[in-house]
C-alpha atoms as a PDB file:
ATOM      1  CA  MET A   1      32.089  20.512  -5.273  1.00  0.00           C
ATOM      2  CA  GLU A   2      30.979  22.093  -1.987  1.00  0.00           C
ATOM      3  CA  LYS A   3      27.430  20.905  -2.525  1.00  0.00           C
ATOM      4  CA  LYS A   4      28.660  17.388  -3.146  1.00  0.00           C
ATOM      5  CA  ASN A   5      30.614  17.392   0.102  1.00  0.00           C
ATOM      6  CA  HIS A   6      27.563  18.606   1.968  1.00  0.00           C
ATOM      7  CA  THR A   7      25.472  15.877   0.415  1.00  0.00           C
ATOM      8  CA  ASN A   8      27.846  13.188   1.646  1.00  0.00           C
ATOM      9  CA  ALA A   9      28.293  14.667   5.143  1.00  0.00           C
ATOM     10  CA  VAL A  10      25.345  12.782   6.653  1.00  0.00           C
ATOM     11  CA  THR A  11      26.078   9.044   6.611  1.00  0.00           C
ATOM     12  CA  GLU A  12      23.224   7.869   8.829  1.00  0.00           C
ATOM     13  CA  PHE A  13      19.940   8.993  10.354  1.00  0.00           C
ATOM     14  CA  VAL A  14      18.781   8.534  13.933  1.00  0.00           C
ATOM     15  CA  LEU A  15      15.156   7.369  14.230  1.00  0.00           C
ATOM     16  CA  LEU A  16      13.320   8.469  17.377  1.00  0.00           C
ATOM     17  CA  GLY A  17      10.758   5.701  16.893  1.00  0.00           C
ATOM     18  CA  LEU A  18       7.223   5.602  18.239  1.00  0.00           C
ATOM     19  CA  THR A  19       8.002   5.851  21.942  1.00  0.00           C
ATOM     20  CA  GLN A  20      10.888   5.911  24.413  1.00  0.00           C
ATOM     21  CA  SER A  21       9.046   3.868  27.055  1.00  0.00           C
ATOM     22  CA  PRO A  22      10.451   0.287  27.308  1.00  0.00           C
ATOM     23  CA  GLU A  23       7.116  -1.086  28.613  1.00  0.00           C
ATOM     24  CA  LEU A  24       5.142   0.508  25.796  1.00  0.00           C
ATOM     25  CA  GLN A  25       7.745  -0.673  23.278  1.00  0.00           C
ATOM     26  CA  GLN A  26       7.233  -4.286  24.390  1.00  0.00           C
ATOM     27  CA  PHE A  27       3.448  -3.941  24.137  1.00  0.00           C
ATOM     28  CA  LEU A  28       3.636  -2.342  20.683  1.00  0.00           C
ATOM     29  CA  PHE A  29       6.070  -4.981  19.464  1.00  0.00           C
ATOM     30  CA  ALA A  30       3.660  -7.776  20.471  1.00  0.00           C
ATOM     31  CA  ALA A  31       0.651  -5.980  18.941  1.00  0.00           C
ATOM     32  CA  PHE A  32       2.386  -5.085  15.678  1.00  0.00           C
ATOM     33  CA  PHE A  33       3.847  -8.579  15.380  1.00  0.00           C
ATOM     34  CA  ILE A  34       0.308 -10.022  15.513  1.00  0.00           C
ATOM     35  CA  PHE A  35      -0.845  -7.462  12.941  1.00  0.00           C
ATOM     36  CA  CYS A  36       2.017  -8.312  10.573  1.00  0.00           C
ATOM     37  CA  VAL A  37       1.465 -12.068  10.910  1.00  0.00           C
ATOM     38  CA  ASN A  38      -2.197 -11.514  10.011  1.00  0.00           C
ATOM     39  CA  THR A  39      -1.137  -9.350   7.058  1.00  0.00           C
ATOM     40  CA  TRP A  40       1.246 -11.978   5.707  1.00  0.00           C
ATOM     41  CA  LEU A  41      -1.155 -14.841   6.337  1.00  0.00           C
ATOM     42  CA  GLY A  42      -4.202 -13.072   4.887  1.00  0.00           C
ATOM     43  CA  ASN A  43      -2.494 -11.904   1.707  1.00  0.00           C
ATOM     44  CA  PHE A  44      -0.705 -15.230   1.249  1.00  0.00           C
ATOM     45  CA  ILE A  45      -4.048 -17.054   1.514  1.00  0.00           C
ATOM     46  CA  ILE A  46      -5.591 -14.741  -1.094  1.00  0.00           C
ATOM     47  CA  ILE A  47      -2.693 -15.227  -3.530  1.00  0.00           C
ATOM     48  CA  THR A  48      -2.602 -19.001  -3.030  1.00  0.00           C
ATOM     49  CA  THR A  49      -6.372 -19.354  -3.333  1.00  0.00           C
ATOM     50  CA  VAL A  50      -6.547 -17.358  -6.565  1.00  0.00           C
ATOM     51  CA  ILE A  51      -3.660 -19.327  -8.096  1.00  0.00           C
ATOM     52  CA  THR A  52      -4.944 -22.799  -7.127  1.00  0.00           C
ATOM     53  CA  ASP A  53      -8.707 -22.385  -7.577  1.00  0.00           C
ATOM     54  CA  HIS A  54      -9.693 -22.394 -11.260  1.00  0.00           C
ATOM     55  CA  TRP A  55     -13.069 -20.834 -10.412  1.00  0.00           C
ATOM     56  CA  LEU A  56     -11.188 -17.661  -9.488  1.00  0.00           C
ATOM     57  CA  HIS A  57      -9.212 -17.418 -12.720  1.00  0.00           C
ATOM     58  CA  THR A  58     -11.088 -14.260 -13.724  1.00  0.00           C
ATOM     59  CA  PRO A  59      -9.924 -10.665 -14.285  1.00  0.00           C
ATOM     60  CA  MET A  60     -11.253  -9.442 -10.926  1.00  0.00           C
ATOM     61  CA  TYR A  61      -9.397 -12.066  -8.900  1.00  0.00           C
ATOM     62  CA  PHE A  62      -6.250 -11.716 -11.000  1.00  0.00           C
ATOM     63  CA  LEU A  63      -6.152  -8.042 -10.044  1.00  0.00           C
ATOM     64  CA  LEU A  64      -7.023  -8.897  -6.438  1.00  0.00           C
ATOM     65  CA  ALA A  65      -4.105 -11.349  -6.210  1.00  0.00           C
ATOM     66  CA  ASN A  66      -1.760  -8.687  -7.586  1.00  0.00           C
ATOM     67  CA  LEU A  67      -3.095  -6.181  -5.061  1.00  0.00           C
ATOM     68  CA  ALA A  68      -2.461  -8.711  -2.286  1.00  0.00           C
ATOM     69  CA  PHE A  69       1.131  -9.146  -3.496  1.00  0.00           C
ATOM     70  CA  LEU A  70       1.656  -5.373  -3.560  1.00  0.00           C
ATOM     71  CA  ASP A  71       0.061  -5.080  -0.127  1.00  0.00           C
ATOM     72  CA  LEU A  72       2.428  -7.738   1.178  1.00  0.00           C
ATOM     73  CA  SER A  73       5.458  -6.091  -0.410  1.00  0.00           C
ATOM     74  CA  ASP A  74       4.543  -2.581   0.707  1.00  0.00           C
ATOM     75  CA  SER A  75       4.018  -3.622   4.329  1.00  0.00           C
ATOM     76  CA  SER A  76       7.367  -5.449   4.308  1.00  0.00           C
ATOM     77  CA  VAL A  77       9.380  -2.335   3.452  1.00  0.00           C
ATOM     78  CA  ASN A  78       8.970  -0.432   6.727  1.00  0.00           C
ATOM     79  CA  THR A  79       7.985  -3.053   9.310  1.00  0.00           C
ATOM     80  CA  PRO A  80      11.551  -4.451   9.764  1.00  0.00           C
ATOM     81  CA  GLN A  81      12.710  -0.968  10.797  1.00  0.00           C
ATOM     82  CA  LEU A  82       9.664  -0.650  13.063  1.00  0.00           C
ATOM     83  CA  PHE A  83      10.462  -3.911  14.880  1.00  0.00           C
ATOM     84  CA  SER A  84      14.155  -3.080  15.065  1.00  0.00           C
ATOM     85  CA  GLY A  85      13.350   0.251  16.714  1.00  0.00           C
ATOM     86  CA  LEU A  86      11.034  -1.376  19.254  1.00  0.00           C
ATOM     87  CA  LEU A  87      13.585  -4.046  20.188  1.00  0.00           C
ATOM     88  CA  SER A  88      16.770  -1.998  20.229  1.00  0.00           C
ATOM     89  CA  GLN A  89      17.830   1.326  21.675  1.00  0.00           C
ATOM     90  CA  HIS A  90      20.264   1.767  18.755  1.00  0.00           C
ATOM     91  CA  LYS A  91      17.819   3.248  16.253  1.00  0.00           C
ATOM     92  CA  THR A  92      19.909   4.282  13.291  1.00  0.00           C
ATOM     93  CA  ILE A  93      19.706   3.717   9.553  1.00  0.00           C
ATOM     94  CA  SER A  94      22.396   4.509   6.998  1.00  0.00           C
ATOM     95  CA  PHE A  95      21.817   7.227   4.411  1.00  0.00           C
ATOM     96  CA  ASN A  96      21.757   4.739   1.524  1.00  0.00           C
ATOM     97  CA  GLU A  97      19.399   2.364   3.356  1.00  0.00           C
ATOM     98  CA  CYS A  98      17.100   5.291   4.091  1.00  0.00           C
ATOM     99  CA  ILE A  99      16.998   6.264   0.414  1.00  0.00           C
ATOM    100  CA  LEU A 100      16.310   2.652  -0.627  1.00  0.00           C
ATOM    101  CA  GLN A 101      13.549   2.342   1.958  1.00  0.00           C
ATOM    102  CA  MET A 102      11.806   5.463   0.654  1.00  0.00           C
ATOM    103  CA  PHE A 103      12.264   4.334  -2.950  1.00  0.00           C
ATOM    104  CA  PHE A 104      10.643   0.921  -2.458  1.00  0.00           C
ATOM    105  CA  PHE A 105       7.925   2.289  -0.179  1.00  0.00           C
ATOM    106  CA  HIS A 106       6.761   4.840  -2.763  1.00  0.00           C
ATOM    107  CA  PHE A 107       7.306   2.352  -5.594  1.00  0.00           C
ATOM    108  CA  MET A 108       4.951  -0.207  -4.035  1.00  0.00           C
ATOM    109  CA  ALA A 109       2.465   2.403  -2.812  1.00  0.00           C
ATOM    110  CA  GLY A 110       2.284   4.027  -6.247  1.00  0.00           C
ATOM    111  CA  ALA A 111       1.784   0.675  -7.984  1.00  0.00           C
ATOM    112  CA  MET A 112      -0.912  -0.208  -5.435  1.00  0.00           C
ATOM    113  CA  GLY A 113      -2.828   3.000  -6.106  1.00  0.00           C
ATOM    114  CA  LEU A 114      -2.801   2.361  -9.851  1.00  0.00           C
ATOM    115  CA  CYS A 115      -3.790  -1.271  -9.264  1.00  0.00           C
ATOM    116  CA  LEU A 116      -6.876   0.011  -7.424  1.00  0.00           C
ATOM    117  CA  VAL A 117      -7.663   2.117 -10.494  1.00  0.00           C
ATOM    118  CA  GLY A 118      -7.427  -1.060 -12.587  1.00  0.00           C
ATOM    119  CA  MET A 119      -9.842  -2.814 -10.227  1.00  0.00           C
ATOM    120  CA  ALA A 120     -12.282   0.084 -10.582  1.00  0.00           C
ATOM    121  CA  ILE A 121     -12.047  -0.216 -14.384  1.00  0.00           C
ATOM    122  CA  ASP A 122     -12.712  -3.943 -14.062  1.00  0.00           C
ATOM    123  CA  ARG A 123     -15.879  -3.356 -12.004  1.00  0.00           C
ATOM    124  CA  TYR A 124     -17.031  -0.613 -14.389  1.00  0.00           C
ATOM    125  CA  VAL A 125     -16.770  -2.938 -17.376  1.00  0.00           C
ATOM    126  CA  ALA A 126     -18.438  -5.789 -15.444  1.00  0.00           C
ATOM    127  CA  ILE A 127     -21.435  -3.589 -14.547  1.00  0.00           C
ATOM    128  CA  TYR A 128     -21.830  -1.546 -17.745  1.00  0.00           C
ATOM    129  CA  LYS A 129     -20.708  -4.148 -20.330  1.00  0.00           C
ATOM    130  CA  PRO A 130     -21.556  -7.519 -18.736  1.00  0.00           C
ATOM    131  CA  LEU A 131     -21.975  -9.395 -22.034  1.00  0.00           C
ATOM    132  CA  ARG A 132     -18.604  -8.212 -23.347  1.00  0.00           C
ATOM    133  CA  TYR A 133     -16.820  -8.341 -19.989  1.00  0.00           C
ATOM    134  CA  MET A 134     -14.526 -11.309 -20.690  1.00  0.00           C
ATOM    135  CA  THR A 135     -13.789  -9.999 -24.192  1.00  0.00           C
ATOM    136  CA  ILE A 136     -12.805  -6.529 -22.992  1.00  0.00           C
ATOM    137  CA  MET A 137     -11.030  -7.611 -19.801  1.00  0.00           C
ATOM    138  CA  ASN A 138      -8.991 -10.329 -21.476  1.00  0.00           C
ATOM    139  CA  GLN A 139      -5.646 -11.634 -20.277  1.00  0.00           C
ATOM    140  CA  HIS A 140      -3.632  -9.108 -22.296  1.00  0.00           C
ATOM    141  CA  VAL A 141      -5.619  -6.164 -20.907  1.00  0.00           C
ATOM    142  CA  CYS A 142      -5.223  -7.400 -17.328  1.00  0.00           C
ATOM    143  CA  MET A 143      -1.488  -7.883 -17.805  1.00  0.00           C
ATOM    144  CA  GLY A 144      -1.277  -4.432 -19.398  1.00  0.00           C
ATOM    145  CA  ILE A 145      -3.030  -2.862 -16.393  1.00  0.00           C
ATOM    146  CA  MET A 146      -0.528  -4.415 -13.995  1.00  0.00           C
ATOM    147  CA  VAL A 147       2.489  -3.500 -16.154  1.00  0.00           C
ATOM    148  CA  LEU A 148       1.275   0.110 -16.240  1.00  0.00           C
ATOM    149  CA  ALA A 149       0.712   0.015 -12.471  1.00  0.00           C
ATOM    150  CA  TRP A 150       4.277  -1.182 -11.842  1.00  0.00           C
ATOM    151  CA  LEU A 151       5.762   1.313 -14.302  1.00  0.00           C
ATOM    152  CA  GLY A 152       3.659   4.133 -12.845  1.00  0.00           C
ATOM    153  CA  GLY A 153       4.813   3.283  -9.336  1.00  0.00           C
ATOM    154  CA  LEU A 154       8.421   3.166 -10.515  1.00  0.00           C
ATOM    155  CA  ALA A 155       8.157   6.550 -12.229  1.00  0.00           C
ATOM    156  CA  HIS A 156       6.482   8.126  -9.200  1.00  0.00           C
ATOM    157  CA  SER A 157       9.146   6.828  -6.813  1.00  0.00           C
ATOM    158  CA  ALA A 158      12.035   7.738  -9.124  1.00  0.00           C
ATOM    159  CA  VAL A 159      10.826  11.355  -9.328  1.00  0.00           C
ATOM    160  CA  GLN A 160      10.412  11.545  -5.542  1.00  0.00           C
ATOM    161  CA  ILE A 161      13.893  10.229  -4.802  1.00  0.00           C
ATOM    162  CA  GLY A 162      15.440  12.184  -7.674  1.00  0.00           C
ATOM    163  CA  LEU A 163      14.148  15.458  -6.220  1.00  0.00           C
ATOM    164  CA  LEU A 164      15.339  14.467  -2.756  1.00  0.00           C
ATOM    165  CA  LEU A 165      18.859  13.490  -3.843  1.00  0.00           C
ATOM    166  CA  GLN A 166      19.422  16.951  -5.330  1.00  0.00           C
ATOM    167  CA  LEU A 167      19.357  18.419  -1.804  1.00  0.00           C
ATOM    168  CA  PRO A 168      22.482  18.687   0.408  1.00  0.00           C
ATOM    169  CA  PHE A 169      22.434  16.945   3.810  1.00  0.00           C
ATOM    170  CA  CYS A 170      25.178  18.241   6.053  1.00  0.00           C
ATOM    171  CA  GLY A 171      23.884  18.817   9.578  1.00  0.00           C
ATOM    172  CA  PRO A 172      20.999  17.423  11.656  1.00  0.00           C
ATOM    173  CA  ASN A 173      20.227  13.756  11.178  1.00  0.00           C
ATOM    174  CA  VAL A 174      17.417  12.999  13.658  1.00  0.00           C
ATOM    175  CA  LEU A 175      14.091  11.773  12.198  1.00  0.00           C
ATOM    176  CA  ASP A 176      11.031  11.932  14.432  1.00  0.00           C
ATOM    177  CA  ASN A 177       9.520   8.733  13.061  1.00  0.00           C
ATOM    178  CA  PHE A 178      10.046   4.956  13.037  1.00  0.00           C
ATOM    179  CA  TYR A 179      11.054   4.799   9.353  1.00  0.00           C
ATOM    180  CA  CYS A 180      12.388   7.073   6.631  1.00  0.00           C
ATOM    181  CA  ASP A 181       9.887   9.049   4.614  1.00  0.00           C
ATOM    182  CA  VAL A 182      10.131  12.088   2.407  1.00  0.00           C
ATOM    183  CA  PRO A 183       8.311  14.636   4.671  1.00  0.00           C
ATOM    184  CA  GLN A 184      10.747  14.041   7.534  1.00  0.00           C
ATOM    185  CA  VAL A 185      13.959  13.601   5.516  1.00  0.00           C
ATOM    186  CA  ILE A 186      13.489  16.707   3.375  1.00  0.00           C
ATOM    187  CA  LYS A 187      13.337  18.878   6.515  1.00  0.00           C
ATOM    188  CA  LEU A 188      16.931  17.880   7.340  1.00  0.00           C
ATOM    189  CA  ALA A 189      18.385  19.329   4.130  1.00  0.00           C
ATOM    190  CA  CYS A 190      20.916  22.150   4.554  1.00  0.00           C
ATOM    191  CA  THR A 191      19.161  24.522   2.187  1.00  0.00           C
ATOM    192  CA  ASP A 192      15.831  26.211   1.538  1.00  0.00           C
ATOM    193  CA  THR A 193      13.486  23.296   0.737  1.00  0.00           C
ATOM    194  CA  GLN A 194      10.354  25.273  -0.106  1.00  0.00           C
ATOM    195  CA  LEU A 195      10.564  24.675  -3.873  1.00  0.00           C
ATOM    196  CA  ALA A 196      11.485  20.998  -3.420  1.00  0.00           C
ATOM    197  CA  GLU A 197       8.581  20.560  -0.996  1.00  0.00           C
ATOM    198  CA  LEU A 198       6.141  22.052  -3.490  1.00  0.00           C
ATOM    199  CA  GLN A 199       7.459  19.784  -6.247  1.00  0.00           C
ATOM    200  CA  ILE A 200       7.168  16.687  -4.053  1.00  0.00           C
ATOM    201  CA  ILE A 201       3.713  17.712  -2.780  1.00  0.00           C
ATOM    202  CA  PHE A 202       2.594  18.034  -6.403  1.00  0.00           C
ATOM    203  CA  ASN A 203       4.123  14.663  -7.340  1.00  0.00           C
ATOM    204  CA  SER A 204       2.586  12.910  -4.324  1.00  0.00           C
ATOM    205  CA  GLY A 205      -0.292  14.957  -2.969  1.00  0.00           C
ATOM    206  CA  ALA A 206      -1.824  16.138  -6.233  1.00  0.00           C
ATOM    207  CA  VAL A 207      -1.521  12.693  -7.835  1.00  0.00           C
ATOM    208  CA  ILE A 208      -3.081  11.017  -4.766  1.00  0.00           C
ATOM    209  CA  ILE A 209      -6.028  13.439  -4.755  1.00  0.00           C
ATOM    210  CA  ILE A 210      -6.618  13.075  -8.509  1.00  0.00           C
ATOM    211  CA  ILE A 211      -6.571   9.270  -8.343  1.00  0.00           C
ATOM    212  CA  PHE A 212      -8.800   9.308  -5.242  1.00  0.00           C
ATOM    213  CA  ILE A 213     -11.372  11.560  -6.960  1.00  0.00           C
ATOM    214  CA  ILE A 214     -11.314   9.377 -10.086  1.00  0.00           C
ATOM    215  CA  LEU A 215     -11.932   6.288  -7.958  1.00  0.00           C
ATOM    216  CA  LEU A 216     -14.747   7.910  -5.974  1.00  0.00           C
ATOM    217  CA  VAL A 217     -16.481   9.125  -9.150  1.00  0.00           C
ATOM    218  CA  SER A 218     -16.067   5.701 -10.783  1.00  0.00           C
ATOM    219  CA  TYR A 219     -17.500   3.791  -7.837  1.00  0.00           C
ATOM    220  CA  THR A 220     -20.333   6.312  -7.408  1.00  0.00           C
ATOM    221  CA  THR A 221     -21.268   5.757 -11.053  1.00  0.00           C
ATOM    222  CA  ILE A 222     -21.069   1.988 -10.585  1.00  0.00           C
ATOM    223  CA  LEU A 223     -23.207   2.038  -7.428  1.00  0.00           C
ATOM    224  CA  ILE A 224     -25.879   4.157  -9.144  1.00  0.00           C
ATOM    225  CA  LYS A 225     -25.995   1.645 -11.988  1.00  0.00           C
ATOM    226  CA  ILE A 226     -26.239  -1.286  -9.565  1.00  0.00           C
ATOM    227  CA  ARG A 227     -29.060   0.259  -7.538  1.00  0.00           C
ATOM    228  CA  THR A 228     -31.163   1.425 -10.496  1.00  0.00           C
ATOM    229  CA  HIS A 229     -30.659  -1.177 -13.218  1.00  0.00           C
ATOM    230  CA  ILE A 230     -29.393  -4.460 -11.788  1.00  0.00           C
ATOM    231  CA  THR A 231     -31.626  -7.072 -10.181  1.00  0.00           C
ATOM    232  CA  ASP A 232     -29.743 -10.385 -10.571  1.00  0.00           C
ATOM    233  CA  GLY A 233     -26.649 -10.572  -8.402  1.00  0.00           C
ATOM    234  CA  LYS A 234     -27.312  -7.115  -6.979  1.00  0.00           C
ATOM    235  CA  GLN A 235     -26.179  -8.009  -3.456  1.00  0.00           C
ATOM    236  CA  LYS A 236     -22.972  -9.621  -4.718  1.00  0.00           C
ATOM    237  CA  ALA A 237     -22.131  -6.583  -6.868  1.00  0.00           C
ATOM    238  CA  LEU A 238     -22.813  -4.190  -3.979  1.00  0.00           C
ATOM    239  CA  SER A 239     -20.682  -6.278  -1.613  1.00  0.00           C
ATOM    240  CA  THR A 240     -17.744  -6.401  -4.060  1.00  0.00           C
ATOM    241  CA  CYS A 241     -17.840  -2.647  -4.734  1.00  0.00           C
ATOM    242  CA  GLY A 242     -18.334  -1.884  -1.056  1.00  0.00           C
ATOM    243  CA  ALA A 243     -15.201  -3.846  -0.184  1.00  0.00           C
ATOM    244  CA  GLN A 244     -13.174  -2.046  -2.835  1.00  0.00           C
ATOM    245  CA  ILE A 245     -14.438   1.399  -1.744  1.00  0.00           C
ATOM    246  CA  THR A 246     -13.468   0.596   1.862  1.00  0.00           C
ATOM    247  CA  VAL A 247      -9.939  -0.394   0.801  1.00  0.00           C
ATOM    248  CA  VAL A 248      -9.621   2.739  -1.370  1.00  0.00           C
ATOM    249  CA  CYS A 249     -10.575   4.978   1.574  1.00  0.00           C
ATOM    250  CA  LEU A 250      -8.197   3.185   3.953  1.00  0.00           C
ATOM    251  CA  GLN A 251      -5.396   3.530   1.425  1.00  0.00           C
ATOM    252  CA  PHE A 252      -5.863   7.114   0.280  1.00  0.00           C
ATOM    253  CA  ILE A 253      -7.260   9.155   3.183  1.00  0.00           C
ATOM    254  CA  PRO A 254      -4.185   8.752   5.459  1.00  0.00           C
ATOM    255  CA  SER A 255      -1.892   9.403   2.484  1.00  0.00           C
ATOM    256  CA  ILE A 256      -3.778  12.580   1.614  1.00  0.00           C
ATOM    257  CA  PHE A 257      -3.297  13.854   5.171  1.00  0.00           C
ATOM    258  CA  ILE A 258       0.466  13.183   5.082  1.00  0.00           C
ATOM    259  CA  TYR A 259       1.422  14.278   1.565  1.00  0.00           C
ATOM    260  CA  THR A 260      -0.926  17.124   0.616  1.00  0.00           C
ATOM    261  CA  GLN A 261       0.100  19.624   3.304  1.00  0.00           C
ATOM    262  CA  PRO A 262       3.349  21.562   3.776  1.00  0.00           C
ATOM    263  CA  PHE A 263       5.825  19.217   5.425  1.00  0.00           C
ATOM    264  CA  MET A 264       5.615  19.999   9.141  1.00  0.00           C
ATOM    265  CA  ASN A 265       6.220  17.923  12.259  1.00  0.00           C
ATOM    266  CA  PHE A 266       2.923  16.753  13.723  1.00  0.00           C
ATOM    267  CA  THR A 267       2.671  14.141  16.459  1.00  0.00           C
ATOM    268  CA  LEU A 268      -0.421  12.823  14.692  1.00  0.00           C
ATOM    269  CA  ASN A 269       1.725  11.974  11.656  1.00  0.00           C
ATOM    270  CA  LYS A 270       3.239   9.033  13.526  1.00  0.00           C
ATOM    271  CA  VAL A 271      -0.210   7.623  14.288  1.00  0.00           C
ATOM    272  CA  ILE A 272      -1.296   8.018  10.676  1.00  0.00           C
ATOM    273  CA  SER A 273       1.957   6.440   9.501  1.00  0.00           C
ATOM    274  CA  VAL A 274       1.184   3.403  11.664  1.00  0.00           C
ATOM    275  CA  ILE A 275      -2.311   3.228  10.156  1.00  0.00           C
ATOM    276  CA  TYR A 276      -1.217   3.021   6.533  1.00  0.00           C
ATOM    277  CA  THR A 277       1.954   0.969   7.081  1.00  0.00           C
ATOM    278  CA  VAL A 278       0.670  -1.568   9.640  1.00  0.00           C
ATOM    279  CA  ILE A 279      -3.110  -1.412  10.142  1.00  0.00           C
ATOM    280  CA  THR A 280      -4.367  -0.934   6.568  1.00  0.00           C
ATOM    281  CA  PRO A 281      -2.324  -3.830   5.068  1.00  0.00           C
ATOM    282  CA  MET A 282      -3.825  -6.113   7.739  1.00  0.00           C
ATOM    283  CA  LEU A 283      -7.403  -4.933   7.123  1.00  0.00           C
ATOM    284  CA  ASN A 284      -7.282  -5.198   3.317  1.00  0.00           C
ATOM    285  CA  PRO A 285      -7.295  -9.036   3.065  1.00  0.00           C
ATOM    286  CA  MET A 286      -9.849  -9.257   5.882  1.00  0.00           C
ATOM    287  CA  ILE A 287     -12.200  -6.906   4.036  1.00  0.00           C
ATOM    288  CA  TYR A 288     -11.875  -8.795   0.747  1.00  0.00           C
ATOM    289  CA  THR A 289     -12.412 -12.211   2.322  1.00  0.00           C
ATOM    290  CA  LEU A 290     -15.163 -11.335   4.807  1.00  0.00           C
ATOM    291  CA  ARG A 291     -17.248  -9.381   2.278  1.00  0.00           C
ATOM    292  CA  ASN A 292     -16.763 -11.797  -0.631  1.00  0.00           C
ATOM    293  CA  ALA A 293     -18.796 -15.017  -0.471  1.00  0.00           C
ATOM    294  CA  GLU A 294     -17.046 -16.479  -3.517  1.00  0.00           C
ATOM    295  CA  MET A 295     -13.622 -15.924  -1.966  1.00  0.00           C
ATOM    296  CA  LYS A 296     -14.745 -17.486   1.329  1.00  0.00           C
ATOM    297  CA  LYS A 297     -16.004 -20.582  -0.517  1.00  0.00           C
ATOM    298  CA  ALA A 298     -12.726 -20.829  -2.434  1.00  0.00           C
ATOM    299  CA  ILE A 299     -10.725 -20.571   0.804  1.00  0.00           C
ATOM    300  CA  ARG A 300     -12.840 -23.381   2.307  1.00  0.00           C
ATOM    301  CA  ARG A 301     -12.152 -25.497  -0.787  1.00  0.00           C
ATOM    302  CA  LEU A 302      -8.439 -24.790  -0.419  1.00  0.00           C
ATOM    303  CA  MET A 303      -8.525 -25.762   3.252  1.00  0.00           C
ATOM    304  CA  SER A 304     -10.422 -28.960   2.428  1.00  0.00           C
ATOM    305  CA  ARG A 305      -7.892 -29.923  -0.244  1.00  0.00           C
ATOM    306  CA  THR A 306      -5.025 -29.175   2.142  1.00  0.00           C
ATOM    307  CA  LEU A 307      -6.562 -31.273   4.927  1.00  0.00           C
ATOM    308  CA  CYS A 308      -7.318 -34.163   2.567  1.00  0.00           C
ATOM    309  CA  SER A 309      -3.754 -34.084   1.240  1.00  0.00           C
ATOM    310  CA  GLY A 310      -2.446 -34.131   4.815  1.00  0.00           C
ATOM    311  CA  LYS A 311      -4.582 -37.136   5.691  1.00  0.00           C
ATOM    312  CA  GLU A 312      -3.422 -39.007   2.562  1.00  0.00           C
ATOM    313  CA  ILE A 313       0.227 -38.343   3.445  1.00  0.00           C
ATOM    314  CA  GLY A 314      -0.425 -39.474   7.021  1.00  0.00           C
ATOM    315  CA  THR A 315      -1.941 -42.749   5.906  1.00  0.00           C
END
């Protein structure tokens, strides 16, 4: 009963945010607002283009559209709290809202990581089994990949939050960050958190490293095949894989830094948190569109159809 009372003692957390300088807060708000608009616009364009352009109704672009949706969802979990902290001096979040924020953040991030694995499988089949590609990567397989990605993300997040909720929170409630995340919250527990930290590091850090290694090995194998055996469409294949490798590195390297070390307070953690919650979601759609000629042509077709429809309505 005492543990339960301790658990309920903390009703809200105080977020210190990125900075206490009003001038810097205004600058960061303007910069991050532009980044988030680009993130929403870029991912929305990718999703809309893939849905409306029948030339893109292929396994690769189906997975890409799902990745764009996850990217959009993941970036939307923490950015409201970021903007709220930059606009207001009252930087608090309730205990329940903090838990929900962490749950959805890790849910989306976990699903995104597994979606990237699915995209690597897609490219592997396309390069090594080109004649059977559409047979192997059929609609049911693609849907199965995404269902597994969502379920995997859900399981990962549920374990994270389940381990966290077992800890009592009864005293300090100040988080040195602009949003709630496990490394900061677990340090506020009123008990020895060493075992819980190790469990969470294994659930997050070890899983991230394993998936990252699998992806690097897969893409290395694919690139070797492209360079040594493929002549037709070689540049297109290299460009597609290069874009996916770039996104994988942007997604996993910051996460590895945050979640694979003992949970300590580093000033650099805030910067890295900004990278993978604000910067990376903005860069992902830019990378996929700028390095993909087929996607750029499809976007131009979409723009042409939109402009023609507007002219017809105007006349």
